[in-house]
Amino acid sequence: MNAKRKQTQAGFSLLEMVVVMVVGGIVIAAMGLTIRTADRNSKEGSALHRMLTDLRYAQEVAVAENRQVDFTVSAGDNAYYVTYASGGFLSNPMGGYSMYVRMNYDQYKGVNITYGTGTLSFSRTGEPRFSGAFLSSAQIVATLNNHRSIRINPQGYSFIQ
């Protein structure tokens, strides 16, 4: 009687193990893509807020010191900088260094300026100008990674879009 009994084995078949491994690999790959995307978005957001803060600071300095301040964006150099119209960089209030910021470097690795308008000047009263002319409508100052932009309107209010 015992010889006729069918032997049952506990455990998983090789096919079941392979299926579980493939599904697990797909889940891990998806998580990796999500983490990389979140990291890139975080760096882009940080760079946008830094650029917006520096743009507003340039405008405040123009009014406070009663002199023209230029905010220059160079997509070719992947950088922006803030200078006095008469020459010389503004000092960075956070660290004393000049206001020259490079993208795709250090904390902004993977962030690129894909569009820059050149030089935006703030008059002594804080009014924004491109090429010496006052703005007639909101203008893009810079775009990062072909995704999000910093704009400024004729009244001098700057914002992220």
N, C-alpha and C. Protein backbone atom coordinates (compact mmCIF):
# COMPACT_ATOMS: atom_id res chain seq x y z
N MET A 1 0.80 -1.19 0.00
CA MET A 1 0.00 0.00 0.00
C MET A 1 0.85 1.28 0.00
N ASN A 2 1.88 1.25 0.79
CA ASN A 2 2.73 2.44 0.85
C ASN A 2 3.46 2.70 -0.45
N ALA A 3 3.77 1.69 -1.19
CA ALA A 3 4.49 1.84 -2.44
C ALA A 3 3.64 2.50 -3.51
N LYS A 4 2.34 2.32 -3.42
CA LYS A 4 1.46 2.90 -4.43
C LYS A 4 1.14 4.38 -4.16
N ARG A 5 1.44 4.83 -2.96
CA ARG A 5 1.16 6.23 -2.65
C ARG A 5 2.06 7.17 -3.44
N LYS A 6 1.49 8.21 -3.94
CA LYS A 6 2.25 9.18 -4.72
C LYS A 6 3.04 10.09 -3.78
N GLN A 7 4.29 10.27 -4.06
CA GLN A 7 5.14 11.12 -3.24
C GLN A 7 4.84 12.58 -3.60
N THR A 8 4.53 13.44 -2.64
CA THR A 8 4.37 14.88 -2.87
C THR A 8 5.55 15.59 -2.24
N GLN A 9 6.05 16.55 -2.94
CA GLN A 9 7.19 17.28 -2.42
C GLN A 9 6.76 18.71 -2.09
N ALA A 10 7.26 19.20 -0.97
CA ALA A 10 6.98 20.57 -0.57
C ALA A 10 7.97 21.50 -1.27
N GLY A 11 7.57 22.74 -1.54
CA GLY A 11 8.48 23.71 -2.17
C GLY A 11 7.91 24.24 -3.46
N PHE A 12 8.75 25.02 -4.16
CA PHE A 12 8.34 25.66 -5.40
C PHE A 12 9.06 25.02 -6.58
N SER A 13 8.42 25.04 -7.71
CA SER A 13 9.06 24.52 -8.92
C SER A 13 10.03 25.56 -9.46
N LEU A 14 10.90 25.17 -10.35
CA LEU A 14 11.86 26.07 -10.96
C LEU A 14 11.14 27.18 -11.74
N LEU A 15 10.07 26.85 -12.41
CA LEU A 15 9.29 27.84 -13.17
C LEU A 15 8.72 28.91 -12.25
N GLU A 16 8.19 28.51 -11.12
CA GLU A 16 7.64 29.48 -10.17
C GLU A 16 8.73 30.41 -9.65
N MET A 17 9.90 29.87 -9.38
CA MET A 17 11.02 30.69 -8.89
C MET A 17 11.46 31.70 -9.95
N VAL A 18 11.52 31.28 -11.20
CA VAL A 18 11.92 32.18 -12.29
C VAL A 18 10.90 33.31 -12.44
N VAL A 19 9.62 32.99 -12.39
CA VAL A 19 8.57 34.01 -12.51
C VAL A 19 8.69 35.03 -11.39
N VAL A 20 8.90 34.58 -10.17
CA VAL A 20 9.04 35.49 -9.03
C VAL A 20 10.27 36.38 -9.21
N MET A 21 11.37 35.83 -9.69
CA MET A 21 12.59 36.61 -9.89
C MET A 21 12.38 37.67 -10.98
N VAL A 22 11.71 37.34 -12.06
CA VAL A 22 11.46 38.29 -13.14
C VAL A 22 10.56 39.42 -12.66
N VAL A 23 9.49 39.10 -11.97
CA VAL A 23 8.58 40.12 -11.45
C VAL A 23 9.32 41.01 -10.45
N GLY A 24 10.12 40.42 -9.59
CA GLY A 24 10.91 41.20 -8.63
C GLY A 24 11.87 42.14 -9.32
N GLY A 25 12.51 41.68 -10.39
CA GLY A 25 13.42 42.54 -11.15
C GLY A 25 12.72 43.71 -11.79
N ILE A 26 11.53 43.48 -12.30
CA ILE A 26 10.75 44.57 -12.92
C ILE A 26 10.38 45.61 -11.87
N VAL A 27 9.97 45.16 -10.70
CA VAL A 27 9.58 46.08 -9.62
C VAL A 27 10.80 46.91 -9.18
N ILE A 28 11.95 46.28 -9.02
CA ILE A 28 13.15 46.99 -8.60
C ILE A 28 13.58 48.00 -9.67
N ALA A 29 13.50 47.65 -10.93
CA ALA A 29 13.86 48.57 -12.02
C ALA A 29 12.92 49.78 -12.03
N ALA A 30 11.64 49.55 -11.83
CA ALA A 30 10.67 50.66 -11.79
C ALA A 30 10.96 51.59 -10.63
N MET A 31 11.32 51.03 -9.49
CA MET A 31 11.65 51.86 -8.33
C MET A 31 12.89 52.70 -8.61
N GLY A 32 13.88 52.12 -9.28
CA GLY A 32 15.09 52.86 -9.61
C GLY A 32 14.81 54.04 -10.52
N LEU A 33 13.95 53.84 -11.52
CA LEU A 33 13.57 54.95 -12.41
C LEU A 33 12.84 56.05 -11.66
N THR A 34 11.97 55.66 -10.77
CA THR A 34 11.21 56.63 -9.97
C THR A 34 12.14 57.44 -9.08
N ILE A 35 13.10 56.79 -8.47
CA ILE A 35 14.05 57.50 -7.60
C ILE A 35 14.91 58.46 -8.41
N ARG A 36 15.38 58.03 -9.58
CA ARG A 36 16.19 58.91 -10.42
C ARG A 36 15.39 60.12 -10.89
N THR A 37 14.14 59.91 -11.27
CA THR A 37 13.29 61.01 -11.72
C THR A 37 13.05 61.99 -10.57
N ALA A 38 12.77 61.47 -9.39
CA ALA A 38 12.55 62.33 -8.22
C ALA A 38 13.80 63.13 -7.90
N ASP A 39 14.98 62.51 -8.01
CA ASP A 39 16.23 63.21 -7.74
C ASP A 39 16.45 64.33 -8.74
N ARG A 40 16.21 64.05 -10.02
CA ARG A 40 16.38 65.07 -11.06
C ARG A 40 15.40 66.23 -10.84
N ASN A 41 14.15 65.91 -10.52
CA ASN A 41 13.16 66.97 -10.27
C ASN A 41 13.53 67.80 -9.06
N SER A 42 14.08 67.16 -8.05
CA SER A 42 14.50 67.88 -6.85
C SER A 42 15.64 68.85 -7.16
N LYS A 43 16.62 68.39 -7.93
CA LYS A 43 17.74 69.26 -8.31
C LYS A 43 17.27 70.41 -9.19
N GLU A 44 16.36 70.12 -10.11
CA GLU A 44 15.83 71.17 -10.98
C GLU A 44 15.07 72.21 -10.16
N GLY A 45 14.24 71.74 -9.23
CA GLY A 45 13.49 72.66 -8.37
C GLY A 45 14.41 73.51 -7.53
N SER A 46 15.45 72.91 -6.99
CA SER A 46 16.42 73.64 -6.19
C SER A 46 17.13 74.70 -7.02
N ALA A 47 17.53 74.35 -8.23
CA ALA A 47 18.20 75.29 -9.12
C ALA A 47 17.27 76.44 -9.51
N LEU A 48 16.01 76.12 -9.80
CA LEU A 48 15.04 77.17 -10.15
C LEU A 48 14.85 78.16 -8.99
N HIS A 49 14.71 77.63 -7.80
CA HIS A 49 14.50 78.51 -6.64
C HIS A 49 15.74 79.34 -6.34
N ARG A 50 16.92 78.77 -6.54
CA ARG A 50 18.16 79.53 -6.34
C ARG A 50 18.23 80.66 -7.36
N MET A 51 17.93 80.35 -8.62
CA MET A 51 17.99 81.37 -9.67
C MET A 51 16.95 82.47 -9.42
N LEU A 52 15.75 82.08 -9.01
CA LEU A 52 14.70 83.05 -8.73
C LEU A 52 15.10 83.95 -7.56
N THR A 53 15.67 83.37 -6.52
CA THR A 53 16.12 84.14 -5.36
C THR A 53 17.21 85.13 -5.76
N ASP A 54 18.17 84.68 -6.58
CA ASP A 54 19.24 85.57 -7.03
C ASP A 54 18.71 86.68 -7.93
N LEU A 55 17.71 86.36 -8.75
CA LEU A 55 17.09 87.37 -9.61
C LEU A 55 16.42 88.45 -8.76
N ARG A 56 15.69 88.03 -7.76
CA ARG A 56 15.02 88.99 -6.87
C ARG A 56 16.04 89.79 -6.07
N TYR A 57 17.12 89.14 -5.66
CA TYR A 57 18.18 89.85 -4.94
C TYR A 57 18.80 90.94 -5.82
N ALA A 58 19.03 90.63 -7.09
CA ALA A 58 19.59 91.62 -8.01
C ALA A 58 18.67 92.84 -8.10
N GLN A 59 17.38 92.60 -8.16
CA GLN A 59 16.42 93.69 -8.23
C GLN A 59 16.44 94.53 -6.94
N GLU A 60 16.53 93.86 -5.80
CA GLU A 60 16.58 94.57 -4.51
C GLU A 60 17.83 95.41 -4.39
N VAL A 61 18.96 94.89 -4.85
CA VAL A 61 20.22 95.64 -4.78
C VAL A 61 20.14 96.87 -5.67
N ALA A 62 19.53 96.75 -6.85
CA ALA A 62 19.39 97.89 -7.75
C ALA A 62 18.65 99.03 -7.07
N VAL A 63 17.58 98.70 -6.36
CA VAL A 63 16.80 99.72 -5.67
C VAL A 63 17.55 100.25 -4.45
N ALA A 64 18.10 99.35 -3.64
CA ALA A 64 18.77 99.75 -2.40
C ALA A 64 20.00 100.62 -2.66
N GLU A 65 20.74 100.30 -3.71
CA GLU A 65 21.98 101.04 -3.98
C GLU A 65 21.81 102.10 -5.06
N ASN A 66 20.58 102.22 -5.58
CA ASN A 66 20.25 103.25 -6.58
C ASN A 66 21.19 103.18 -7.78
N ARG A 67 21.39 101.96 -8.30
CA ARG A 67 22.23 101.78 -9.47
C ARG A 67 21.75 100.58 -10.28
N GLN A 68 22.06 100.57 -11.55
CA GLN A 68 21.62 99.49 -12.43
C GLN A 68 22.38 98.21 -12.12
N VAL A 69 21.62 97.10 -12.09
CA VAL A 69 22.19 95.77 -11.87
C VAL A 69 21.74 94.88 -13.03
N ASP A 70 22.68 94.09 -13.54
CA ASP A 70 22.41 93.19 -14.67
C ASP A 70 22.39 91.74 -14.22
N PHE A 71 21.41 90.99 -14.70
CA PHE A 71 21.28 89.55 -14.45
C PHE A 71 21.44 88.88 -15.81
N THR A 72 22.55 88.21 -16.03
CA THR A 72 22.86 87.63 -17.33
C THR A 72 22.76 86.12 -17.29
N VAL A 73 22.01 85.57 -18.24
CA VAL A 73 21.85 84.11 -18.36
C VAL A 73 22.53 83.68 -19.65
N SER A 74 23.42 82.71 -19.55
CA SER A 74 24.14 82.21 -20.72
C SER A 74 23.89 80.72 -20.86
N ALA A 75 23.00 80.36 -21.80
CA ALA A 75 22.73 78.94 -22.03
C ALA A 75 23.98 78.25 -22.57
N GLY A 76 24.80 78.96 -23.36
CA GLY A 76 26.02 78.39 -23.91
C GLY A 76 27.02 78.00 -22.83
N ASP A 77 27.15 78.84 -21.80
CA ASP A 77 28.05 78.55 -20.68
C ASP A 77 27.36 77.75 -19.59
N ASN A 78 26.05 77.58 -19.72
CA ASN A 78 25.26 76.87 -18.71
C ASN A 78 25.43 77.53 -17.34
N ALA A 79 25.34 78.86 -17.33
CA ALA A 79 25.57 79.62 -16.10
C ALA A 79 24.78 80.92 -16.14
N TYR A 80 24.69 81.53 -14.98
CA TYR A 80 24.15 82.89 -14.91
C TYR A 80 24.99 83.67 -13.91
N TYR A 81 24.98 84.99 -14.06
CA TYR A 81 25.75 85.82 -13.14
C TYR A 81 25.08 87.18 -12.97
N VAL A 82 25.42 87.83 -11.86
CA VAL A 82 24.83 89.12 -11.52
C VAL A 82 25.96 90.13 -11.36
N THR A 83 25.86 91.21 -12.12
CA THR A 83 26.91 92.24 -12.10
C THR A 83 26.29 93.63 -11.99
N TYR A 84 27.12 94.58 -11.60
CA TYR A 84 26.73 95.97 -11.70
C TYR A 84 26.92 96.39 -13.15
N ALA A 85 26.08 97.31 -13.64
CA ALA A 85 26.19 97.77 -15.02
C ALA A 85 27.55 98.43 -15.24
N SER A 86 28.09 99.03 -14.19
CA SER A 86 29.39 99.70 -14.30
C SER A 86 30.56 98.72 -14.24
N GLY A 87 30.26 97.44 -14.01
CA GLY A 87 31.30 96.41 -13.94
C GLY A 87 31.43 95.84 -12.54
N GLY A 88 31.85 94.62 -12.47
CA GLY A 88 32.08 93.96 -11.19
C GLY A 88 30.89 93.12 -10.76
N PHE A 89 31.20 91.94 -10.23
CA PHE A 89 30.17 91.03 -9.74
C PHE A 89 29.62 91.50 -8.41
N LEU A 90 28.34 91.23 -8.18
CA LEU A 90 27.78 91.43 -6.85
C LEU A 90 28.32 90.32 -5.96
N SER A 91 28.49 90.61 -4.69
CA SER A 91 28.91 89.59 -3.73
C SER A 91 27.70 88.77 -3.33
N ASN A 92 27.92 87.48 -3.16
CA ASN A 92 26.86 86.59 -2.71
C ASN A 92 26.66 86.81 -1.22
N PRO A 93 25.48 87.22 -0.78
CA PRO A 93 25.26 87.48 0.65
C PRO A 93 25.36 86.23 1.51
N MET A 94 25.25 85.06 0.90
CA MET A 94 25.31 83.81 1.67
C MET A 94 26.74 83.33 1.89
N GLY A 95 27.67 83.77 1.05
CA GLY A 95 29.01 83.23 1.21
C GLY A 95 30.12 84.19 0.82
N GLY A 96 29.78 85.38 0.39
CA GLY A 96 30.79 86.35 0.06
C GLY A 96 31.42 86.17 -1.31
N TYR A 97 31.12 85.07 -2.01
CA TYR A 97 31.68 84.86 -3.33
C TYR A 97 30.88 85.66 -4.34
N SER A 98 31.41 85.74 -5.55
CA SER A 98 30.69 86.48 -6.58
C SER A 98 29.42 85.72 -6.98
N MET A 99 28.50 86.43 -7.56
CA MET A 99 27.23 85.86 -7.99
C MET A 99 27.37 85.27 -9.38
N TYR A 100 28.18 84.22 -9.48
CA TYR A 100 28.35 83.46 -10.72
C TYR A 100 27.96 82.03 -10.40
N VAL A 101 26.91 81.53 -11.04
CA VAL A 101 26.40 80.19 -10.71
C VAL A 101 26.40 79.33 -11.97
N ARG A 102 27.07 78.21 -11.88
CA ARG A 102 27.13 77.25 -12.99
C ARG A 102 26.16 76.11 -12.74
N MET A 103 25.44 75.72 -13.78
CA MET A 103 24.54 74.57 -13.69
C MET A 103 25.29 73.31 -14.11
N ASN A 104 24.66 72.16 -13.90
CA ASN A 104 25.23 70.85 -14.22
C ASN A 104 26.57 70.65 -13.52
N TYR A 105 26.66 71.12 -12.29
CA TYR A 105 27.88 71.04 -11.50
C TYR A 105 27.48 70.93 -10.04
N ASP A 106 28.20 70.13 -9.28
CA ASP A 106 27.95 69.93 -7.85
C ASP A 106 26.48 69.62 -7.57
N GLN A 107 25.84 70.47 -6.76
CA GLN A 107 24.46 70.17 -6.35
C GLN A 107 23.45 70.29 -7.49
N TYR A 108 23.85 70.88 -8.61
CA TYR A 108 22.95 71.02 -9.75
C TYR A 108 23.32 70.08 -10.90
N LYS A 109 24.00 69.00 -10.59
CA LYS A 109 24.39 68.01 -11.62
C LYS A 109 23.14 67.49 -12.31
N GLY A 110 23.13 67.51 -13.62
CA GLY A 110 21.97 67.06 -14.39
C GLY A 110 20.98 68.16 -14.73
N VAL A 111 21.24 69.38 -14.26
CA VAL A 111 20.36 70.52 -14.55
C VAL A 111 21.06 71.42 -15.56
N ASN A 112 20.40 71.71 -16.66
CA ASN A 112 20.99 72.53 -17.71
C ASN A 112 20.08 73.71 -18.05
N ILE A 113 20.71 74.83 -18.35
CA ILE A 113 19.97 75.99 -18.85
C ILE A 113 19.76 75.74 -20.34
N THR A 114 18.54 75.50 -20.74
CA THR A 114 18.26 75.19 -22.15
C THR A 114 17.77 76.41 -22.92
N TYR A 115 17.44 77.47 -22.20
CA TYR A 115 17.07 78.72 -22.86
C TYR A 115 17.42 79.86 -21.91
N GLY A 116 18.09 80.86 -22.41
CA GLY A 116 18.41 82.04 -21.62
C GLY A 116 18.22 83.27 -22.48
N THR A 117 17.72 84.34 -21.89
CA THR A 117 17.36 85.53 -22.65
C THR A 117 18.50 86.51 -22.83
N GLY A 118 19.65 86.23 -22.27
CA GLY A 118 20.75 87.20 -22.34
C GLY A 118 20.78 87.99 -21.06
N THR A 119 20.81 89.31 -21.18
CA THR A 119 20.93 90.17 -20.00
C THR A 119 19.63 90.90 -19.70
N LEU A 120 19.18 90.69 -18.50
CA LEU A 120 18.03 91.42 -17.96
C LEU A 120 18.60 92.47 -17.02
N SER A 121 18.27 93.72 -17.25
CA SER A 121 18.78 94.81 -16.40
C SER A 121 17.67 95.33 -15.51
N PHE A 122 18.06 95.65 -14.28
CA PHE A 122 17.13 96.31 -13.36
C PHE A 122 17.58 97.76 -13.21
N SER A 123 16.64 98.68 -13.47
CA SER A 123 16.96 100.10 -13.33
C SER A 123 17.08 100.45 -11.85
N ARG A 124 17.42 101.68 -11.58
CA ARG A 124 17.57 102.15 -10.19
C ARG A 124 16.26 102.04 -9.41
N THR A 125 15.17 101.98 -10.13
CA THR A 125 13.87 101.86 -9.47
C THR A 125 13.39 100.40 -9.44
N GLY A 126 14.21 99.49 -9.97
CA GLY A 126 13.87 98.07 -9.94
C GLY A 126 13.07 97.59 -11.14
N GLU A 127 12.84 98.47 -12.11
CA GLU A 127 12.09 98.07 -13.30
C GLU A 127 12.96 97.20 -14.20
N PRO A 128 12.41 96.07 -14.68
CA PRO A 128 13.18 95.19 -15.54
C PRO A 128 13.21 95.69 -16.99
N ARG A 129 14.36 95.48 -17.64
CA ARG A 129 14.52 95.86 -19.04
C ARG A 129 15.33 94.79 -19.77
N PHE A 130 14.95 94.53 -21.00
CA PHE A 130 15.75 93.70 -21.89
C PHE A 130 16.26 94.60 -23.00
N SER A 131 17.55 94.60 -23.22
CA SER A 131 18.17 95.43 -24.27
C SER A 131 17.78 96.89 -24.13
N GLY A 132 17.67 97.36 -22.92
CA GLY A 132 17.35 98.76 -22.65
C GLY A 132 15.89 99.13 -22.74
N ALA A 133 15.04 98.21 -23.21
CA ALA A 133 13.63 98.51 -23.37
C ALA A 133 12.81 97.90 -22.22
N PHE A 134 11.84 98.66 -21.75
CA PHE A 134 10.95 98.13 -20.71
C PHE A 134 10.13 96.98 -21.28
N LEU A 135 9.69 96.11 -20.44
CA LEU A 135 8.91 94.95 -20.87
C LEU A 135 7.47 95.35 -21.15
N SER A 136 6.89 94.78 -22.21
CA SER A 136 5.49 95.05 -22.51
C SER A 136 4.61 93.89 -22.02
N SER A 137 5.22 92.73 -21.80
CA SER A 137 4.49 91.57 -21.29
C SER A 137 5.48 90.69 -20.53
N ALA A 138 4.97 89.66 -19.88
CA ALA A 138 5.84 88.75 -19.13
C ALA A 138 6.83 88.09 -20.08
N GLN A 139 8.08 88.02 -19.68
CA GLN A 139 9.15 87.45 -20.49
C GLN A 139 9.80 86.28 -19.77
N ILE A 140 10.27 85.30 -20.54
CA ILE A 140 11.03 84.19 -19.96
C ILE A 140 12.46 84.67 -19.73
N VAL A 141 12.95 84.47 -18.52
CA VAL A 141 14.33 84.81 -18.20
C VAL A 141 15.23 83.61 -18.49
N ALA A 142 14.78 82.42 -18.08
CA ALA A 142 15.56 81.20 -18.31
C ALA A 142 14.64 79.99 -18.24
N THR A 143 15.03 78.92 -18.95
CA THR A 143 14.34 77.64 -18.90
C THR A 143 15.37 76.58 -18.55
N LEU A 144 15.01 75.70 -17.62
CA LEU A 144 15.91 74.63 -17.22
C LEU A 144 15.40 73.30 -17.73
N ASN A 145 16.30 72.52 -18.33
CA ASN A 145 16.00 71.18 -18.84
C ASN A 145 14.78 71.14 -19.76
N ASN A 146 14.56 72.19 -20.53
CA ASN A 146 13.40 72.27 -21.44
C ASN A 146 12.10 71.97 -20.71
N HIS A 147 12.02 72.34 -19.45
CA HIS A 147 10.88 71.93 -18.65
C HIS A 147 10.19 73.09 -17.96
N ARG A 148 10.85 73.72 -17.02
CA ARG A 148 10.23 74.81 -16.26
C ARG A 148 11.02 76.10 -16.46
N SER A 149 10.30 77.22 -16.36
CA SER A 149 10.91 78.51 -16.66
C SER A 149 10.73 79.50 -15.52
N ILE A 150 11.61 80.49 -15.53
CA ILE A 150 11.47 81.66 -14.68
C ILE A 150 11.04 82.79 -15.59
N ARG A 151 9.99 83.48 -15.18
CA ARG A 151 9.46 84.60 -15.96
C ARG A 151 9.46 85.86 -15.10
N ILE A 152 9.42 86.99 -15.77
CA ILE A 152 9.30 88.26 -15.07
C ILE A 152 8.30 89.12 -15.84
N ASN A 153 7.42 89.81 -15.09
CA ASN A 153 6.43 90.64 -15.76
C ASN A 153 6.88 92.10 -15.77
N PRO A 154 6.19 92.98 -16.49
CA PRO A 154 6.63 94.38 -16.61
C PRO A 154 6.73 95.12 -15.27
N GLN A 155 5.95 94.69 -14.29
CA GLN A 155 6.00 95.34 -12.98
C GLN A 155 7.19 94.88 -12.14
N GLY A 156 7.93 93.87 -12.64
CA GLY A 156 9.12 93.39 -11.94
C GLY A 156 8.90 92.18 -11.07
N TYR A 157 7.68 91.60 -11.11
CA TYR A 157 7.41 90.41 -10.32
C TYR A 157 7.93 89.19 -11.09
N SER A 158 8.80 88.42 -10.44
CA SER A 158 9.35 87.23 -11.08
C SER A 158 8.74 85.98 -10.45
N PHE A 159 8.58 84.93 -11.28
CA PHE A 159 7.91 83.72 -10.80
C PHE A 159 8.34 82.52 -11.63
N ILE A 160 8.08 81.32 -11.10
CA ILE A 160 8.38 80.06 -11.78
C ILE A 160 7.12 79.56 -12.47
N GLN A 161 7.28 79.11 -13.70
CA GLN A 161 6.12 78.58 -14.43
C GLN A 161 6.49 77.24 -15.03
